[in-house]
Amino acid sequence: MEKILDFLANYYIIFIVITVFLIFSLIGFFIKREREKNKQFKIQDNSTQININNNINTSTNNNEPIEKLN
């Protein structure tokens, strides 16, 4: 027990720095979580509409086989 106390007494600065770093990390985590929770999905404008029908190829029929059997 005495060795542990001597180690803590000699290197207390390191433990203070690590503790401060962990506290700031925890604060940053909670701030980031709150900002993400408050984000809302917003549509910028109506000019960014996509016409889905242009992407569909109507010339192919998926019910027919690729090669017809004899």
N, C-alpha and C. Protein backbone atom coordinates (compact mmCIF):
# COMPACT_ATOMS: atom_id res chain seq x y z
N MET A 1 0.83 -1.19 0.00
CA MET A 1 0.00 0.00 0.00
C MET A 1 0.87 1.25 0.00
N GLU A 2 1.99 1.15 0.69
CA GLU A 2 2.89 2.30 0.78
C GLU A 2 3.51 2.62 -0.58
N LYS A 3 3.79 1.58 -1.38
CA LYS A 3 4.36 1.79 -2.71
C LYS A 3 3.37 2.50 -3.63
N ILE A 4 2.11 2.12 -3.50
CA ILE A 4 1.09 2.76 -4.32
C ILE A 4 0.96 4.24 -3.96
N LEU A 5 0.95 4.56 -2.69
CA LEU A 5 0.85 5.95 -2.27
C LEU A 5 2.07 6.75 -2.68
N ASP A 6 3.25 6.15 -2.62
CA ASP A 6 4.46 6.84 -3.07
C ASP A 6 4.41 7.11 -4.57
N PHE A 7 3.91 6.13 -5.34
CA PHE A 7 3.78 6.32 -6.79
C PHE A 7 2.81 7.45 -7.10
N LEU A 8 1.67 7.47 -6.41
CA LEU A 8 0.69 8.54 -6.63
C LEU A 8 1.23 9.90 -6.22
N ALA A 9 2.01 9.94 -5.17
CA ALA A 9 2.58 11.20 -4.71
C ALA A 9 3.64 11.72 -5.67
N ASN A 10 4.41 10.83 -6.27
CA ASN A 10 5.47 11.26 -7.18
C ASN A 10 4.94 11.65 -8.56
N TYR A 11 3.86 11.02 -8.99
CA TYR A 11 3.35 11.26 -10.35
C TYR A 11 1.92 11.80 -10.33
N TYR A 12 1.61 12.66 -9.40
CA TYR A 12 0.25 13.19 -9.31
C TYR A 12 -0.09 14.09 -10.49
N ILE A 13 0.89 14.75 -11.10
CA ILE A 13 0.64 15.64 -12.24
C ILE A 13 0.05 14.83 -13.41
N ILE A 14 0.58 13.65 -13.64
CA ILE A 14 0.08 12.82 -14.74
C ILE A 14 -1.38 12.46 -14.51
N PHE A 15 -1.74 12.13 -13.29
CA PHE A 15 -3.13 11.79 -13.00
C PHE A 15 -4.05 12.99 -13.13
N ILE A 16 -3.57 14.17 -12.80
CA ILE A 16 -4.38 15.39 -12.96
C ILE A 16 -4.62 15.66 -14.44
N VAL A 17 -3.58 15.52 -15.27
CA VAL A 17 -3.71 15.76 -16.71
C VAL A 17 -4.68 14.75 -17.33
N ILE A 18 -4.54 13.50 -16.97
CA ILE A 18 -5.44 12.47 -17.50
C ILE A 18 -6.88 12.73 -17.07
N THR A 19 -7.07 13.14 -15.83
CA THR A 19 -8.42 13.42 -15.32
C THR A 19 -9.04 14.60 -16.06
N VAL A 20 -8.27 15.66 -16.29
CA VAL A 20 -8.79 16.83 -17.02
C VAL A 20 -9.16 16.44 -18.45
N PHE A 21 -8.31 15.64 -19.10
CA PHE A 21 -8.60 15.19 -20.45
C PHE A 21 -9.90 14.37 -20.50
N LEU A 22 -10.09 13.48 -19.56
CA LEU A 22 -11.30 12.66 -19.53
C LEU A 22 -12.55 13.51 -19.25
N ILE A 23 -12.41 14.52 -18.42
CA ILE A 23 -13.55 15.40 -18.14
C ILE A 23 -13.95 16.17 -19.39
N PHE A 24 -12.96 16.73 -20.11
CA PHE A 24 -13.27 17.45 -21.35
C PHE A 24 -13.85 16.52 -22.41
N SER A 25 -13.37 15.30 -22.47
CA SER A 25 -13.92 14.33 -23.42
C SER A 25 -15.37 14.03 -23.10
N LEU A 26 -15.68 13.87 -21.84
CA LEU A 26 -17.06 13.60 -21.43
C LEU A 26 -17.97 14.78 -21.73
N ILE A 27 -17.51 15.98 -21.49
CA ILE A 27 -18.30 17.17 -21.80
C ILE A 27 -18.54 17.27 -23.31
N GLY A 28 -17.50 17.02 -24.10
CA GLY A 28 -17.65 17.05 -25.55
C GLY A 28 -18.60 16.00 -26.06
N PHE A 29 -18.59 14.82 -25.47
CA PHE A 29 -19.51 13.76 -25.85
C PHE A 29 -20.95 14.19 -25.64
N PHE A 30 -21.25 14.77 -24.48
CA PHE A 30 -22.62 15.18 -24.19
C PHE A 30 -23.06 16.35 -25.08
N ILE A 31 -22.16 17.27 -25.39
CA ILE A 31 -22.51 18.38 -26.28
C ILE A 31 -22.81 17.86 -27.68
N LYS A 32 -21.99 16.95 -28.18
CA LYS A 32 -22.21 16.39 -29.52
C LYS A 32 -23.52 15.63 -29.57
N ARG A 33 -23.83 14.87 -28.53
CA ARG A 33 -25.07 14.10 -28.49
C ARG A 33 -26.29 15.02 -28.49
N GLU A 34 -26.22 16.12 -27.77
CA GLU A 34 -27.34 17.06 -27.75
C GLU A 34 -27.52 17.74 -29.10
N ARG A 35 -26.43 18.09 -29.76
CA ARG A 35 -26.54 18.73 -31.08
C ARG A 35 -27.13 17.77 -32.10
N GLU A 36 -26.75 16.50 -32.07
CA GLU A 36 -27.31 15.53 -33.00
C GLU A 36 -28.78 15.26 -32.72
N LYS A 37 -29.16 15.32 -31.46
CA LYS A 37 -30.56 15.08 -31.11
C LYS A 37 -31.44 16.22 -31.61
N ASN A 38 -30.93 17.44 -31.63
CA ASN A 38 -31.73 18.60 -32.01
C ASN A 38 -31.77 18.83 -33.51
N LYS A 39 -31.01 18.06 -34.31
CA LYS A 39 -31.05 18.23 -35.76
C LYS A 39 -32.39 17.72 -36.28
N GLN A 40 -32.91 18.46 -37.26
CA GLN A 40 -34.16 18.05 -37.89
C GLN A 40 -33.91 17.90 -39.37
N PHE A 41 -34.65 17.00 -39.99
CA PHE A 41 -34.54 16.80 -41.43
C PHE A 41 -35.22 17.97 -42.12
N LYS A 42 -34.45 18.67 -42.97
CA LYS A 42 -35.00 19.83 -43.66
C LYS A 42 -34.77 19.66 -45.16
N ILE A 43 -35.79 19.99 -45.95
CA ILE A 43 -35.68 20.00 -47.40
C ILE A 43 -35.32 21.43 -47.79
N GLN A 44 -34.23 21.57 -48.57
CA GLN A 44 -33.74 22.90 -48.90
C GLN A 44 -34.70 23.64 -49.83
N ASP A 45 -35.06 23.03 -50.97
CA ASP A 45 -36.01 23.67 -51.87
C ASP A 45 -36.65 22.61 -52.76
N ASN A 46 -37.61 23.02 -53.55
CA ASN A 46 -38.34 22.08 -54.39
C ASN A 46 -37.65 21.84 -55.73
N SER A 47 -36.57 22.54 -56.03
CA SER A 47 -35.90 22.39 -57.33
C SER A 47 -35.03 21.16 -57.39
N THR A 48 -34.88 20.43 -56.30
CA THR A 48 -34.01 19.25 -56.28
C THR A 48 -34.81 17.96 -56.33
N GLN A 49 -35.88 17.93 -57.13
CA GLN A 49 -36.70 16.74 -57.25
C GLN A 49 -36.08 15.79 -58.27
N ILE A 50 -36.20 14.51 -58.03
CA ILE A 50 -35.67 13.50 -58.92
C ILE A 50 -36.83 12.77 -59.57
N ASN A 51 -36.76 12.61 -60.87
CA ASN A 51 -37.80 11.89 -61.58
C ASN A 51 -37.40 10.42 -61.61
N ILE A 52 -38.07 9.60 -60.82
CA ILE A 52 -37.74 8.19 -60.70
C ILE A 52 -38.10 7.44 -61.97
N ASN A 53 -39.10 7.87 -62.70
CA ASN A 53 -39.54 7.16 -63.90
C ASN A 53 -38.48 7.16 -64.99
N ASN A 54 -37.58 8.10 -65.00
CA ASN A 54 -36.52 8.12 -66.01
C ASN A 54 -35.51 7.00 -65.78
N ASN A 55 -35.40 6.49 -64.60
CA ASN A 55 -34.43 5.45 -64.30
C ASN A 55 -34.94 4.05 -64.59
N ILE A 56 -36.21 3.89 -64.88
CA ILE A 56 -36.79 2.58 -65.12
C ILE A 56 -36.73 2.28 -66.61
N ASN A 57 -36.17 1.16 -66.97
CA ASN A 57 -36.08 0.74 -68.36
C ASN A 57 -37.29 -0.12 -68.67
N THR A 58 -38.22 0.39 -69.48
CA THR A 58 -39.46 -0.34 -69.76
C THR A 58 -39.32 -1.29 -70.93
N SER A 59 -38.19 -1.26 -71.65
CA SER A 59 -38.05 -2.12 -72.82
C SER A 59 -37.73 -3.56 -72.44
N THR A 60 -37.27 -3.81 -71.24
CA THR A 60 -36.96 -5.18 -70.84
C THR A 60 -38.12 -5.76 -70.06
N ASN A 61 -38.37 -7.02 -70.29
CA ASN A 61 -39.41 -7.73 -69.56
C ASN A 61 -38.72 -8.80 -68.73
N ASN A 62 -38.79 -8.73 -67.45
CA ASN A 62 -38.09 -9.65 -66.58
C ASN A 62 -38.72 -11.03 -66.51
N ASN A 63 -39.93 -11.19 -67.11
CA ASN A 63 -40.58 -12.48 -67.07
C ASN A 63 -40.08 -13.43 -68.15
N GLU A 64 -39.47 -12.92 -69.18
CA GLU A 64 -38.98 -13.75 -70.27
C GLU A 64 -37.58 -14.22 -69.98
N PRO A 65 -37.25 -15.45 -70.35
CA PRO A 65 -35.88 -15.93 -70.16
C PRO A 65 -34.92 -15.22 -71.12
N ILE A 66 -33.65 -15.26 -70.80
CA ILE A 66 -32.66 -14.60 -71.65
C ILE A 66 -32.55 -15.32 -72.99
N GLU A 67 -32.49 -16.63 -72.98
CA GLU A 67 -32.45 -17.41 -74.21
C GLU A 67 -33.69 -18.32 -74.23
N LYS A 68 -34.35 -18.32 -75.37
CA LYS A 68 -35.54 -19.16 -75.47
C LYS A 68 -35.12 -20.61 -75.73
N LEU A 69 -35.79 -21.52 -75.06
CA LEU A 69 -35.51 -22.94 -75.23
C LEU A 69 -36.29 -23.48 -76.43
N ASN A 70 -35.74 -24.49 -77.13
CA ASN A 70 -36.41 -25.10 -78.29
C ASN A 70 -37.51 -26.03 -77.89
